Amino acid sequence: MLYLIEGKQITVVAYEKSFKQRMKSLNNEDYRVIVEELNRVIDCGEVHTSS
């Protein structure tokens, strides 16, 4: 889960319409692989920031 610095959870995505269209064309296995890789990177213990 992603949170703002104020502690509020992020529940929306930028370019939602485009995101939903792309997700429709993604098969379940590709989605699973993407989620696993994101979790691996996030769980590695490094600090992850964005500007």
PDB file of N, CA and C in Angstrom:
ATOM      1  N   MET A   1       0.830  -1.167   0.000  1.00  0.00           N
ATOM      2  CA  MET A   1       0.000   0.000   0.000  1.00  0.00           C
ATOM      3  C   MET A   1       0.880   1.237   0.000  1.00  0.00           C
ATOM      4  N   LEU A   2       0.387   2.264  -0.616  1.00  0.00           N
ATOM      5  CA  LEU A   2       1.109   3.529  -0.664  1.00  0.00           C
ATOM      6  C   LEU A   2       0.416   4.550   0.228  1.00  0.00           C
ATOM      7  N   TYR A   3       1.235   5.376   0.881  1.00  0.00           N
ATOM      8  CA  TYR A   3       0.698   6.388   1.783  1.00  0.00           C
ATOM      9  C   TYR A   3       1.336   7.735   1.500  1.00  0.00           C
ATOM     10  N   LEU A   4       0.557   8.782   1.677  1.00  0.00           N
ATOM     11  CA  LEU A   4       1.077  10.135   1.621  1.00  0.00           C
ATOM     12  C   LEU A   4       1.909  10.387   2.865  1.00  0.00           C
ATOM     13  N   ILE A   5       2.749  11.379   2.826  1.00  0.00           N
ATOM     14  CA  ILE A   5       3.575  11.716   3.987  1.00  0.00           C
ATOM     15  C   ILE A   5       2.724  12.020   5.214  1.00  0.00           C
ATOM     16  N   GLU A   6       1.498  12.495   4.984  1.00  0.00           N
ATOM     17  CA  GLU A   6       0.585  12.795   6.094  1.00  0.00           C
ATOM     18  C   GLU A   6      -0.047  11.537   6.675  1.00  0.00           C
ATOM     19  N   GLY A   7       0.214  10.386   6.065  1.00  0.00           N
ATOM     20  CA  GLY A   7      -0.313   9.126   6.568  1.00  0.00           C
ATOM     21  C   GLY A   7      -1.565   8.634   5.869  1.00  0.00           C
ATOM     22  N   LYS A   8      -2.129   9.424   4.967  1.00  0.00           N
ATOM     23  CA  LYS A   8      -3.341   9.024   4.251  1.00  0.00           C
ATOM     24  C   LYS A   8      -2.989   8.027   3.139  1.00  0.00           C
ATOM     25  N   GLN A   9      -3.767   6.944   3.045  1.00  0.00           N
ATOM     26  CA  GLN A   9      -3.526   5.928   2.026  1.00  0.00           C
ATOM     27  C   GLN A   9      -3.900   6.446   0.635  1.00  0.00           C
ATOM     28  N   ILE A  10      -3.065   6.128  -0.354  1.00  0.00           N
ATOM     29  CA  ILE A  10      -3.348   6.498  -1.741  1.00  0.00           C
ATOM     30  C   ILE A  10      -4.247   5.416  -2.337  1.00  0.00           C
ATOM     31  N   THR A  11      -5.417   5.825  -2.828  1.00  0.00           N
ATOM     32  CA  THR A  11      -6.392   4.862  -3.340  1.00  0.00           C
ATOM     33  C   THR A  11      -6.787   5.121  -4.795  1.00  0.00           C
ATOM     34  N   VAL A  12      -6.143   6.082  -5.444  1.00  0.00           N
ATOM     35  CA  VAL A  12      -6.445   6.398  -6.838  1.00  0.00           C
ATOM     36  C   VAL A  12      -5.150   6.394  -7.646  1.00  0.00           C
ATOM     37  N   VAL A  13      -5.277   6.282  -8.959  1.00  0.00           N
ATOM     38  CA  VAL A  13      -4.105   6.324  -9.839  1.00  0.00           C
ATOM     39  C   VAL A  13      -4.253   7.485 -10.811  1.00  0.00           C
ATOM     40  N   ALA A  14      -3.119   8.021 -11.223  1.00  0.00           N
ATOM     41  CA  ALA A  14      -3.132   9.059 -12.249  1.00  0.00           C
ATOM     42  C   ALA A  14      -3.515   8.404 -13.576  1.00  0.00           C
ATOM     43  N   TYR A  15      -4.149   9.147 -14.430  1.00  0.00           N
ATOM     44  CA  TYR A  15      -4.547   8.650 -15.750  1.00  0.00           C
ATOM     45  C   TYR A  15      -5.375   7.364 -15.625  1.00  0.00           C
ATOM     46  N   GLU A  16      -6.379   7.403 -14.777  1.00  0.00           N
ATOM     47  CA  GLU A  16      -7.174   6.220 -14.448  1.00  0.00           C
ATOM     48  C   GLU A  16      -7.780   5.548 -15.680  1.00  0.00           C
ATOM     49  N   LYS A  17      -8.300   6.310 -16.614  1.00  0.00           N
ATOM     50  CA  LYS A  17      -8.917   5.730 -17.807  1.00  0.00           C
ATOM     51  C   LYS A  17      -7.892   4.913 -18.596  1.00  0.00           C
ATOM     52  N   SER A  18      -6.725   5.475 -18.801  1.00  0.00           N
ATOM     53  CA  SER A  18      -5.658   4.784 -19.521  1.00  0.00           C
ATOM     54  C   SER A  18      -5.206   3.541 -18.749  1.00  0.00           C
ATOM     55  N   PHE A  19      -5.073   3.681 -17.434  1.00  0.00           N
ATOM     56  CA  PHE A  19      -4.673   2.560 -16.585  1.00  0.00           C
ATOM     57  C   PHE A  19      -5.655   1.398 -16.717  1.00  0.00           C
ATOM     58  N   LYS A  20      -6.942   1.683 -16.653  1.00  0.00           N
ATOM     59  CA  LYS A  20      -7.961   0.638 -16.747  1.00  0.00           C
ATOM     60  C   LYS A  20      -7.935  -0.050 -18.109  1.00  0.00           C
ATOM     61  N   GLN A  21      -7.699   0.721 -19.171  1.00  0.00           N
ATOM     62  CA  GLN A  21      -7.615   0.127 -20.506  1.00  0.00           C
ATOM     63  C   GLN A  21      -6.426  -0.825 -20.598  1.00  0.00           C
ATOM     64  N   ARG A  22      -5.299  -0.407 -20.071  1.00  0.00           N
ATOM     65  CA  ARG A  22      -4.097  -1.257 -20.108  1.00  0.00           C
ATOM     66  C   ARG A  22      -4.287  -2.516 -19.256  1.00  0.00           C
ATOM     67  N   MET A  23      -4.939  -2.371 -18.127  1.00  0.00           N
ATOM     68  CA  MET A  23      -5.157  -3.531 -17.255  1.00  0.00           C
ATOM     69  C   MET A  23      -6.045  -4.579 -17.922  1.00  0.00           C
ATOM     70  N   LYS A  24      -6.984  -4.156 -18.752  1.00  0.00           N
ATOM     71  CA  LYS A  24      -7.862  -5.100 -19.452  1.00  0.00           C
ATOM     72  C   LYS A  24      -7.077  -6.007 -20.389  1.00  0.00           C
ATOM     73  N   SER A  25      -5.981  -5.500 -20.943  1.00  0.00           N
ATOM     74  CA  SER A  25      -5.213  -6.287 -21.906  1.00  0.00           C
ATOM     75  C   SER A  25      -4.105  -7.113 -21.255  1.00  0.00           C
ATOM     76  N   LEU A  26      -3.948  -7.012 -19.957  1.00  0.00           N
ATOM     77  CA  LEU A  26      -2.911  -7.733 -19.226  1.00  0.00           C
ATOM     78  C   LEU A  26      -3.451  -9.070 -18.733  1.00  0.00           C
ATOM     79  N   ASN A  27      -2.769 -10.154 -19.086  1.00  0.00           N
ATOM     80  CA  ASN A  27      -3.263 -11.454 -18.619  1.00  0.00           C
ATOM     81  C   ASN A  27      -2.874 -11.677 -17.158  1.00  0.00           C
ATOM     82  N   ASN A  28      -3.503 -12.648 -16.524  1.00  0.00           N
ATOM     83  CA  ASN A  28      -3.317 -12.888 -15.093  1.00  0.00           C
ATOM     84  C   ASN A  28      -1.876 -13.214 -14.724  1.00  0.00           C
ATOM     85  N   GLU A  29      -1.194 -13.975 -15.553  1.00  0.00           N
ATOM     86  CA  GLU A  29       0.190 -14.360 -15.255  1.00  0.00           C
ATOM     87  C   GLU A  29       1.111 -13.142 -15.299  1.00  0.00           C
ATOM     88  N   ASP A  30       0.956 -12.288 -16.293  1.00  0.00           N
ATOM     89  CA  ASP A  30       1.770 -11.078 -16.377  1.00  0.00           C
ATOM     90  C   ASP A  30       1.505 -10.172 -15.176  1.00  0.00           C
ATOM     91  N   TYR A  31       0.250 -10.048 -14.794  1.00  0.00           N
ATOM     92  CA  TYR A  31      -0.101  -9.236 -13.626  1.00  0.00           C
ATOM     93  C   TYR A  31       0.561  -9.803 -12.364  1.00  0.00           C
ATOM     94  N   ARG A  32       0.516 -11.100 -12.206  1.00  0.00           N
ATOM     95  CA  ARG A  32       1.123 -11.756 -11.040  1.00  0.00           C
ATOM     96  C   ARG A  32       2.630 -11.483 -10.981  1.00  0.00           C
ATOM     97  N   VAL A  33       3.292 -11.592 -12.125  1.00  0.00           N
ATOM     98  CA  VAL A  33       4.738 -11.361 -12.186  1.00  0.00           C
ATOM     99  C   VAL A  33       5.072  -9.911 -11.822  1.00  0.00           C
ATOM    100  N   ILE A  34       4.289  -8.983 -12.317  1.00  0.00           N
ATOM    101  CA  ILE A  34       4.506  -7.566 -12.000  1.00  0.00           C
ATOM    102  C   ILE A  34       4.342  -7.323 -10.509  1.00  0.00           C
ATOM    103  N   VAL A  35       3.282  -7.856  -9.932  1.00  0.00           N
ATOM    104  CA  VAL A  35       3.027  -7.668  -8.493  1.00  0.00           C
ATOM    105  C   VAL A  35       4.156  -8.287  -7.675  1.00  0.00           C
ATOM    106  N   GLU A  36       4.612  -9.483  -8.043  1.00  0.00           N
ATOM    107  CA  GLU A  36       5.711 -10.127  -7.318  1.00  0.00           C
ATOM    108  C   GLU A  36       6.981  -9.283  -7.357  1.00  0.00           C
ATOM    109  N   GLU A  37       7.302  -8.734  -8.518  1.00  0.00           N
ATOM    110  CA  GLU A  37       8.509  -7.917  -8.638  1.00  0.00           C
ATOM    111  C   GLU A  37       8.385  -6.623  -7.835  1.00  0.00           C
ATOM    112  N   LEU A  38       7.250  -5.981  -7.909  1.00  0.00           N
ATOM    113  CA  LEU A  38       7.051  -4.772  -7.104  1.00  0.00           C
ATOM    114  C   LEU A  38       7.193  -5.077  -5.614  1.00  0.00           C
ATOM    115  N   ASN A  39       6.587  -6.160  -5.170  1.00  0.00           N
ATOM    116  CA  ASN A  39       6.691  -6.537  -3.759  1.00  0.00           C
ATOM    117  C   ASN A  39       8.131  -6.855  -3.375  1.00  0.00           C
ATOM    118  N   ARG A  40       8.886  -7.518  -4.260  1.00  0.00           N
ATOM    119  CA  ARG A  40      10.279  -7.851  -3.987  1.00  0.00           C
ATOM    120  C   ARG A  40      11.098  -6.574  -3.797  1.00  0.00           C
ATOM    121  N   VAL A  41      10.910  -5.617  -4.683  1.00  0.00           N
ATOM    122  CA  VAL A  41      11.657  -4.360  -4.600  1.00  0.00           C
ATOM    123  C   VAL A  41      11.269  -3.587  -3.343  1.00  0.00           C
ATOM    124  N   ILE A  42       9.981  -3.501  -3.072  1.00  0.00           N
ATOM    125  CA  ILE A  42       9.507  -2.753  -1.904  1.00  0.00           C
ATOM    126  C   ILE A  42       9.955  -3.415  -0.602  1.00  0.00           C
ATOM    127  N   ASP A  43       9.939  -4.741  -0.567  1.00  0.00           N
ATOM    128  CA  ASP A  43      10.256  -5.466   0.674  1.00  0.00           C
ATOM    129  C   ASP A  43      11.755  -5.617   0.933  1.00  0.00           C
ATOM    130  N   CYS A  44      12.599  -5.123   0.045  1.00  0.00           N
ATOM    131  CA  CYS A  44      14.041  -5.334   0.206  1.00  0.00           C
ATOM    132  C   CYS A  44      14.638  -4.532   1.354  1.00  0.00           C
ATOM    133  N   GLY A  45      13.902  -3.593   1.918  1.00  0.00           N
ATOM    134  CA  GLY A  45      14.393  -2.848   3.076  1.00  0.00           C
ATOM    135  C   GLY A  45      14.975  -1.497   2.726  1.00  0.00           C
ATOM    136  N   GLU A  46      15.147  -1.192   1.471  1.00  0.00           N
ATOM    137  CA  GLU A  46      15.647   0.117   1.072  1.00  0.00           C
ATOM    138  C   GLU A  46      14.545   1.162   1.260  1.00  0.00           C
ATOM    139  N   VAL A  47      14.940   2.414   1.397  1.00  0.00           N
ATOM    140  CA  VAL A  47      13.966   3.500   1.486  1.00  0.00           C
ATOM    141  C   VAL A  47      13.533   3.863   0.062  1.00  0.00           C
ATOM    142  N   HIS A  48      12.253   3.917  -0.183  1.00  0.00           N
ATOM    143  CA  HIS A  48      11.715   4.238  -1.508  1.00  0.00           C
ATOM    144  C   HIS A  48      10.980   5.570  -1.425  1.00  0.00           C
ATOM    145  N   THR A  49      11.449   6.530  -2.206  1.00  0.00           N
ATOM    146  CA  THR A  49      10.809   7.840  -2.200  1.00  0.00           C
ATOM    147  C   THR A  49      10.467   8.258  -3.613  1.00  0.00           C
ATOM    148  N   SER A  50       9.631   9.230  -3.724  1.00  0.00           N
ATOM    149  CA  SER A  50       9.236   9.787  -5.004  1.00  0.00           C
ATOM    150  C   SER A  50       9.144  11.297  -4.880  1.00  0.00           C
ATOM    151  N   SER A  51       9.382  11.957  -5.966  1.00  0.00           N
ATOM    152  CA  SER A  51       9.276  13.414  -5.903  1.00  0.00           C
ATOM    153  C   SER A  51       8.248  13.905  -6.894  1.00  0.00           C
TER     154      SER A  51
END
